[in-house]
Amino acid sequence: MKKVCLTGIKPTGNPHLGNYLGAIRPAIRMAQSGEFAGYYFIADYHSLTAVHNGKELSQYIYEVAATWMAFGLDPKQVVLYQQSHIPEVMELHWILSCFTAKGHMNRAHAYKAMVQENENSGRDPDLGVNIGLYTYPVLMSADILLLQSDVVPVGPDQLQHLEIAREIAQSFNFVYGDLLKLPKALEQNVPLIPGLDGRKMSKSYQNTIPLFANEKDLRKLLNKIKTDSLPPEAPKNPDESLIFTLYKFFATPYEIENLKAWYLRGIGWGDAKAQLFEVINRELQLPRQRYQELISNRSEIDRILNEGAERVRSKAQDLLKKIKKTIGVI
């Protein structure tokens, strides 16, 4: 049997180019390889730590589902589901909480980052910290362990979540025997995706490039990239150009070499931005059309997510029943 591979994405806003390059594109390539039994979930309960507008969260859920499928995720080949449709996750979350050391939560990256930001600003360290944010890694562990995941693709910033899941599983297994499978990290070297201002592409910096902006708006956004005042005929260093950095994510090796040569003999920034627009738009054009078709047919998205949930729940219920019997509640 194929190994189970689990991937999740939080619906916290309109998907942007950083989401696509850092998570969506590599995850879909993995799904299309057929190497694993793939489970892809929309982590809507995780989003509740920050998104407190019901209409917005509902919209984000549909956007994430449509995005995955627009770029080629096939629900017939993998399981696509919504986290909140699996009540067994929340039940396991409580059970795992009783085997989780508080110290693990104190060291969790998201919690530490918020505490540090408060302290740097002279505020109460726990200002704005809700228990959902604090225990976020336990819910993540429930997502992973409930499906007896073999591997979980992670970047450097998510590796801690998998380590915590393994530690919780080991604590549980120490008491009750080897009931929970210990997942392994499938580490991915995801490069830093720069935004329009050169910093990491992030909604908090307001420097993102929306995935499904129309061609006119996409061109306008790319034209906002700041450049120096060198004249067109002056040679330019491609390694110091934000435009060239983004270009390399979408262009072929041949195209990259050609643009590099153009930089070295002199290129106008308007021409460079035009080249960037062409390669990005080429990759997004068909998914953009497919996305619009999907997002306008929410009943079809509901059907796919419900079918995915049914497939997950049959698997989840089997393990949860064993766990509950083992701990003595049934």
Protein backbone atom coordinates (compact mmCIF):
# COMPACT_ATOMS: atom_id res chain seq x y z
CA MET A 1 0.00 0.00 0.00
CA LYS A 2 1.10 3.56 -0.69
CA LYS A 3 2.28 5.62 2.23
CA VAL A 4 -0.17 8.24 3.51
CA CYS A 5 0.94 11.81 2.86
CA LEU A 6 -0.98 14.65 4.56
CA THR A 7 -0.97 18.31 3.50
CA GLY A 8 -3.07 21.17 4.86
CA ILE A 9 -3.48 24.86 4.07
CA LYS A 10 -5.16 27.53 6.17
CA PRO A 11 -7.90 29.63 4.58
CA THR A 12 -6.86 33.04 5.87
CA GLY A 13 -7.24 35.25 2.80
CA ASN A 14 -6.99 35.44 -0.96
CA PRO A 15 -4.30 33.01 -2.19
CA HIS A 16 -1.21 34.77 -3.51
CA LEU A 17 1.89 33.91 -5.48
CA GLY A 18 3.84 33.06 -2.33
CA ASN A 19 1.23 30.44 -1.34
CA TYR A 20 1.41 28.95 -4.81
CA LEU A 21 5.20 28.73 -5.12
CA GLY A 22 5.82 27.75 -1.50
CA ALA A 23 3.05 25.21 -0.93
CA ILE A 24 0.50 24.66 -3.67
CA ARG A 25 2.76 23.96 -6.65
CA PRO A 26 5.05 21.46 -4.86
CA ALA A 27 2.07 19.73 -3.21
CA ILE A 28 0.24 19.30 -6.52
CA ARG A 29 3.36 17.98 -8.21
CA MET A 30 3.61 15.42 -5.43
CA ALA A 31 -0.03 14.44 -5.90
CA GLN A 32 0.43 14.05 -9.64
CA SER A 33 3.48 11.83 -9.13
CA GLY A 34 1.23 9.10 -7.69
CA GLU A 35 3.92 8.20 -5.16
CA PHE A 36 1.70 8.61 -2.08
CA ALA A 37 -1.90 8.20 -0.97
CA GLY A 38 -2.56 11.92 -0.75
CA TYR A 39 -4.83 13.65 1.77
CA TYR A 40 -5.27 17.40 1.31
CA PHE A 41 -7.30 19.34 3.85
CA ILE A 42 -8.54 22.89 4.30
CA ALA A 43 -7.56 23.80 7.86
CA ASP A 44 -10.54 26.03 8.63
CA TYR A 45 -10.53 25.45 12.41
CA HIS A 46 -6.89 26.56 12.46
CA SER A 47 -7.93 29.81 10.79
CA LEU A 48 -10.35 30.51 13.64
CA THR A 49 -7.43 31.61 15.82
CA ALA A 50 -7.31 34.80 13.74
CA VAL A 51 -10.31 35.00 11.37
CA HIS A 52 -13.44 35.96 13.32
CA ASN A 53 -15.74 36.96 10.49
CA GLY A 54 -18.02 34.11 9.43
CA LYS A 55 -18.69 35.34 5.90
CA GLU A 56 -14.99 35.93 5.28
CA LEU A 57 -13.97 32.50 6.54
CA SER A 58 -16.62 30.80 4.41
CA GLN A 59 -15.38 32.68 1.34
CA TYR A 60 -11.75 31.78 2.10
CA ILE A 61 -12.66 28.09 2.34
CA TYR A 62 -14.18 28.09 -1.13
CA GLU A 63 -11.23 30.06 -2.50
CA VAL A 64 -8.70 27.56 -1.19
CA ALA A 65 -10.65 24.58 -2.54
CA ALA A 66 -11.05 26.22 -5.94
CA THR A 67 -7.37 27.15 -6.01
CA TRP A 68 -6.17 23.61 -5.36
CA MET A 69 -8.35 22.22 -8.12
CA ALA A 70 -7.67 25.06 -10.56
CA PHE A 71 -4.00 24.13 -10.51
CA GLY A 72 -4.67 20.47 -11.16
CA LEU A 73 -5.44 18.72 -7.89
CA ASP A 74 -7.73 15.85 -8.87
CA PRO A 75 -10.22 14.77 -6.14
CA LYS A 76 -10.47 11.40 -7.90
CA GLN A 77 -6.78 10.73 -7.32
CA VAL A 78 -6.42 12.22 -3.83
CA VAL A 79 -8.74 13.04 -0.93
CA LEU A 80 -9.68 16.71 -0.61
CA TYR A 81 -11.64 17.59 2.52
CA GLN A 82 -12.51 20.29 5.03
CA GLN A 83 -11.12 19.92 8.54
CA SER A 84 -14.33 20.99 10.30
CA HIS A 85 -16.23 18.19 8.54
CA ILE A 86 -14.24 15.67 10.60
CA PRO A 87 -15.53 15.87 14.21
CA GLU A 88 -13.17 13.02 15.15
CA VAL A 89 -10.31 15.50 14.83
CA MET A 90 -11.69 17.61 17.67
CA GLU A 91 -12.34 14.56 19.84
CA LEU A 92 -8.78 13.35 19.36
CA HIS A 93 -7.55 16.88 20.02
CA TRP A 94 -8.80 16.69 23.62
CA ILE A 95 -7.39 13.22 24.18
CA LEU A 96 -3.98 14.33 22.89
CA SER A 97 -4.13 17.48 25.03
CA CYS A 98 -4.01 15.24 28.09
CA PHE A 99 -0.67 13.86 26.93
CA THR A 100 0.88 17.17 25.89
CA ALA A 101 3.49 18.90 28.01
CA LYS A 102 2.77 22.58 28.58
CA GLY A 103 6.43 23.26 27.87
CA HIS A 104 5.91 22.22 24.25
CA MET A 105 3.25 24.88 23.87
CA ASN A 106 5.45 27.51 25.51
CA ARG A 107 8.08 26.88 22.84
CA ALA A 108 5.72 26.85 19.84
CA HIS A 109 6.87 29.33 17.21
CA ALA A 110 3.58 31.20 16.66
CA TYR A 111 3.00 31.72 20.37
CA LYS A 112 6.60 32.77 21.03
CA ALA A 113 6.53 35.21 18.11
CA MET A 114 3.41 36.97 19.42
CA VAL A 115 4.78 37.12 22.95
CA GLN A 116 8.06 38.55 21.66
CA GLU A 117 6.24 41.16 19.59
CA ASN A 118 4.20 42.22 22.64
CA GLU A 119 7.28 42.45 24.84
CA ASN A 120 9.16 44.47 22.23
CA SER A 121 6.26 46.92 22.17
CA GLY A 122 6.03 47.14 25.97
CA ARG A 123 2.67 45.37 26.11
CA ASP A 124 1.44 42.51 28.27
CA PRO A 125 3.21 39.40 26.88
CA ASP A 126 -0.06 37.51 26.35
CA LEU A 127 -2.06 40.37 24.84
CA GLY A 128 -4.09 39.01 21.93
CA VAL A 129 -3.08 35.40 22.58
CA ASN A 130 -6.09 33.08 22.60
CA ILE A 131 -5.98 29.47 23.74
CA GLY A 132 -6.56 28.34 20.16
CA LEU A 133 -3.28 29.95 19.13
CA TYR A 134 -1.53 28.57 22.20
CA THR A 135 -2.66 24.97 21.64
CA TYR A 136 -2.52 25.17 17.83
CA PRO A 137 0.17 22.43 17.65
CA VAL A 138 -2.12 19.96 19.45
CA LEU A 139 -4.85 20.39 16.86
CA MET A 140 -2.24 20.02 14.14
CA SER A 141 -1.09 16.81 15.82
CA ALA A 142 -4.68 15.52 15.79
CA ASP A 143 -4.91 16.23 12.04
CA ILE A 144 -1.72 14.28 11.42
CA LEU A 145 -2.12 11.35 13.81
CA LEU A 146 -5.80 10.64 13.15
CA LEU A 147 -5.05 9.58 9.57
CA GLN A 148 -1.99 7.60 10.64
CA SER A 149 0.10 9.72 8.31
CA ASP A 150 3.40 8.28 7.20
CA VAL A 151 4.89 11.52 5.88
CA VAL A 152 4.05 15.21 6.12
CA PRO A 153 5.65 17.73 3.73
CA VAL A 154 7.09 20.57 5.79
CA GLY A 155 9.21 23.62 5.28
CA PRO A 156 11.66 24.84 7.94
CA ASP A 157 8.98 26.87 9.73
CA GLN A 158 6.58 23.91 10.00
CA LEU A 159 9.05 21.25 11.10
CA GLN A 160 8.37 22.01 14.77
CA HIS A 161 4.70 21.03 14.36
CA LEU A 162 5.67 17.58 13.18
CA GLU A 163 8.20 17.18 15.97
CA ILE A 164 5.53 18.05 18.53
CA ALA A 165 3.11 15.56 16.93
CA ARG A 166 5.72 12.83 17.26
CA GLU A 167 6.42 13.74 20.90
CA ILE A 168 2.71 13.67 21.77
CA ALA A 169 2.29 10.31 20.03
CA GLN A 170 5.27 8.91 21.91
CA SER A 171 3.82 10.09 25.23
CA PHE A 172 0.52 8.40 24.43
CA ASN A 173 2.17 5.21 23.19
CA PHE A 174 4.36 5.03 26.30
CA VAL A 175 1.19 4.63 28.37
CA TYR A 176 -1.01 2.55 26.07
CA GLY A 177 1.31 0.81 23.61
CA ASP A 178 2.13 1.55 19.98
CA LEU A 179 -1.30 2.67 18.83
CA LEU A 180 -0.34 5.93 17.17
CA LYS A 181 1.95 5.91 14.15
CA LEU A 182 4.94 8.25 14.33
CA PRO A 183 4.94 10.35 11.15
CA LYS A 184 8.11 11.43 9.40
CA ALA A 185 8.92 14.80 7.92
CA LEU A 186 9.21 15.14 4.18
CA GLU A 187 11.39 18.22 4.33
CA GLN A 188 11.09 20.69 1.50
CA ASN A 189 13.63 23.38 0.82
CA VAL A 190 11.13 26.10 0.00
CA PRO A 191 12.93 29.28 -1.11
CA LEU A 192 11.99 32.68 0.23
CA ILE A 193 9.37 34.15 -2.08
CA PRO A 194 9.86 37.93 -2.22
CA GLY A 195 6.96 40.31 -2.45
CA LEU A 196 6.63 43.53 -4.40
CA ASP A 197 8.88 45.36 -1.91
CA GLY A 198 11.58 42.68 -1.71
CA ARG A 199 10.55 41.43 1.73
CA LYS A 200 8.97 38.01 2.21
CA MET A 201 5.65 37.91 0.40
CA SER A 202 3.07 38.23 3.17
CA LYS A 203 -0.41 39.67 3.64
CA SER A 204 0.87 41.42 6.76
CA TYR A 205 3.32 43.40 4.61
CA GLN A 206 0.67 44.15 1.97
CA ASN A 207 3.18 43.18 -0.70
CA THR A 208 1.47 40.14 -2.20
CA ILE A 209 0.65 39.33 -5.81
CA PRO A 210 -2.85 37.75 -5.92
CA LEU A 211 -2.95 34.48 -7.82
CA PHE A 212 -6.05 35.24 -9.81
CA ALA A 213 -5.79 38.93 -10.56
CA ASN A 214 -6.86 39.67 -14.13
CA GLU A 215 -4.17 40.41 -16.70
CA LYS A 216 -4.59 44.18 -16.46
CA ASP A 217 -4.30 44.24 -12.67
CA LEU A 218 -1.41 41.78 -12.70
CA ARG A 219 0.56 43.99 -15.08
CA LYS A 220 -0.16 47.06 -12.91
CA LEU A 221 1.06 45.27 -9.77
CA LEU A 222 4.29 44.13 -11.40
CA ASN A 223 4.92 47.64 -12.70
CA LYS A 224 4.96 48.81 -9.06
CA ILE A 225 8.18 46.91 -8.34
CA LYS A 226 10.76 49.52 -7.38
CA THR A 227 13.94 49.71 -9.44
CA ASP A 228 17.05 51.87 -9.49
CA SER A 229 17.68 54.81 -11.83
CA LEU A 230 20.15 53.12 -14.18
CA PRO A 231 19.43 53.94 -17.84
CA PRO A 232 18.31 51.12 -20.17
CA GLU A 233 21.70 50.83 -21.88
CA ALA A 234 23.58 50.33 -18.60
CA PRO A 235 24.55 46.70 -17.73
CA LYS A 236 22.67 45.38 -14.72
CA ASN A 237 23.33 42.61 -12.22
CA PRO A 238 20.49 40.06 -12.45
CA ASP A 239 21.40 38.61 -9.04
CA GLU A 240 20.50 41.93 -7.43
CA SER A 241 17.18 42.30 -9.24
CA LEU A 242 13.86 41.44 -7.61
CA ILE A 243 12.34 41.19 -11.09
CA PHE A 244 14.87 38.54 -12.13
CA THR A 245 14.41 36.63 -8.85
CA LEU A 246 10.67 36.31 -9.46
CA TYR A 247 11.24 35.56 -13.15
CA LYS A 248 13.29 32.46 -12.33
CA PHE A 249 10.33 30.82 -10.54
CA PHE A 250 8.32 30.74 -13.78
CA ALA A 251 10.72 30.75 -16.71
CA THR A 252 12.45 27.86 -18.48
CA PRO A 253 16.24 27.49 -18.14
CA TYR A 254 16.60 28.77 -21.72
CA GLU A 255 14.49 31.85 -20.95
CA ILE A 256 16.46 32.53 -17.78
CA GLU A 257 19.78 32.50 -19.65
CA ASN A 258 18.41 34.79 -22.35
CA LEU A 259 17.11 37.34 -19.85
CA LYS A 260 20.35 37.17 -17.88
CA ALA A 261 22.30 38.01 -21.04
CA TRP A 262 19.92 40.91 -21.72
CA TYR A 263 20.57 42.24 -18.19
CA LEU A 264 24.33 42.09 -18.70
CA ARG A 265 24.27 43.99 -21.99
CA GLY A 266 21.65 46.48 -20.75
CA ILE A 267 17.89 46.27 -20.34
CA GLY A 268 15.20 48.81 -19.60
CA TRP A 269 13.25 48.15 -16.42
CA GLY A 270 10.01 48.41 -18.38
CA ASP A 271 11.18 45.60 -20.65
CA ALA A 272 12.25 43.50 -17.65
CA LYS A 273 8.85 43.90 -16.03
CA ALA A 274 7.16 43.01 -19.31
CA GLN A 275 9.18 39.80 -19.48
CA LEU A 276 8.19 38.97 -15.90
CA PHE A 277 4.52 39.56 -16.70
CA GLU A 278 4.68 37.22 -19.69
CA VAL A 279 6.03 34.21 -17.81
CA ILE A 280 3.78 34.66 -14.76
CA ASN A 281 0.67 35.21 -16.86
CA ARG A 282 1.52 32.19 -19.01
CA GLU A 283 1.45 29.93 -15.97
CA LEU A 284 -1.64 31.50 -14.39
CA GLN A 285 -3.81 31.99 -17.47
CA LEU A 286 -5.53 28.59 -17.62
CA PRO A 287 -5.78 28.13 -13.82
CA ARG A 288 -7.33 31.61 -13.66
CA GLN A 289 -10.09 30.53 -16.05
CA ARG A 290 -10.62 27.24 -14.22
CA TYR A 291 -10.73 29.04 -10.86
CA GLN A 292 -13.51 31.35 -12.04
CA GLU A 293 -15.52 28.35 -13.21
CA LEU A 294 -15.10 26.59 -9.87
CA ILE A 295 -15.70 29.55 -7.57
CA SER A 296 -18.98 30.29 -9.38
CA ASN A 297 -20.19 26.74 -8.76
CA ARG A 298 -20.03 26.34 -5.00
CA SER A 299 -22.39 23.39 -4.98
CA GLU A 300 -19.79 21.39 -6.88
CA ILE A 301 -17.11 22.36 -4.36
CA ASP A 302 -19.46 21.33 -1.54
CA ARG A 303 -20.03 17.97 -3.21
CA ILE A 304 -16.31 17.31 -3.56
CA LEU A 305 -15.53 18.33 0.03
CA ASN A 306 -18.40 16.24 1.41
CA GLU A 307 -17.25 13.19 -0.53
CA GLY A 308 -13.74 13.72 0.78
CA ALA A 309 -15.03 13.97 4.34
CA GLU A 310 -16.88 10.68 4.00
CA ARG A 311 -13.70 8.94 2.89
CA VAL A 312 -11.72 10.45 5.76
CA ARG A 313 -14.32 9.77 8.46
CA SER A 314 -14.47 6.04 7.79
CA LYS A 315 -10.71 5.87 8.33
CA ALA A 316 -10.75 8.27 11.29
CA GLN A 317 -13.57 6.49 13.10
CA ASP A 318 -11.71 3.18 13.02
CA LEU A 319 -8.66 4.60 14.78
CA LEU A 320 -10.63 6.74 17.22
CA LYS A 321 -12.70 3.74 18.27
CA LYS A 322 -9.51 1.82 19.06
CA ILE A 323 -8.13 4.78 21.01
CA LYS A 324 -11.30 5.26 23.06
CA LYS A 325 -11.48 1.57 23.86
CA THR A 326 -7.83 1.59 24.89
CA ILE A 327 -8.16 4.59 27.22
CA GLY A 328 -11.29 3.06 28.76
CA VAL A 329 -14.13 5.36 27.74
CA ILE A 330 -15.96 2.71 25.70
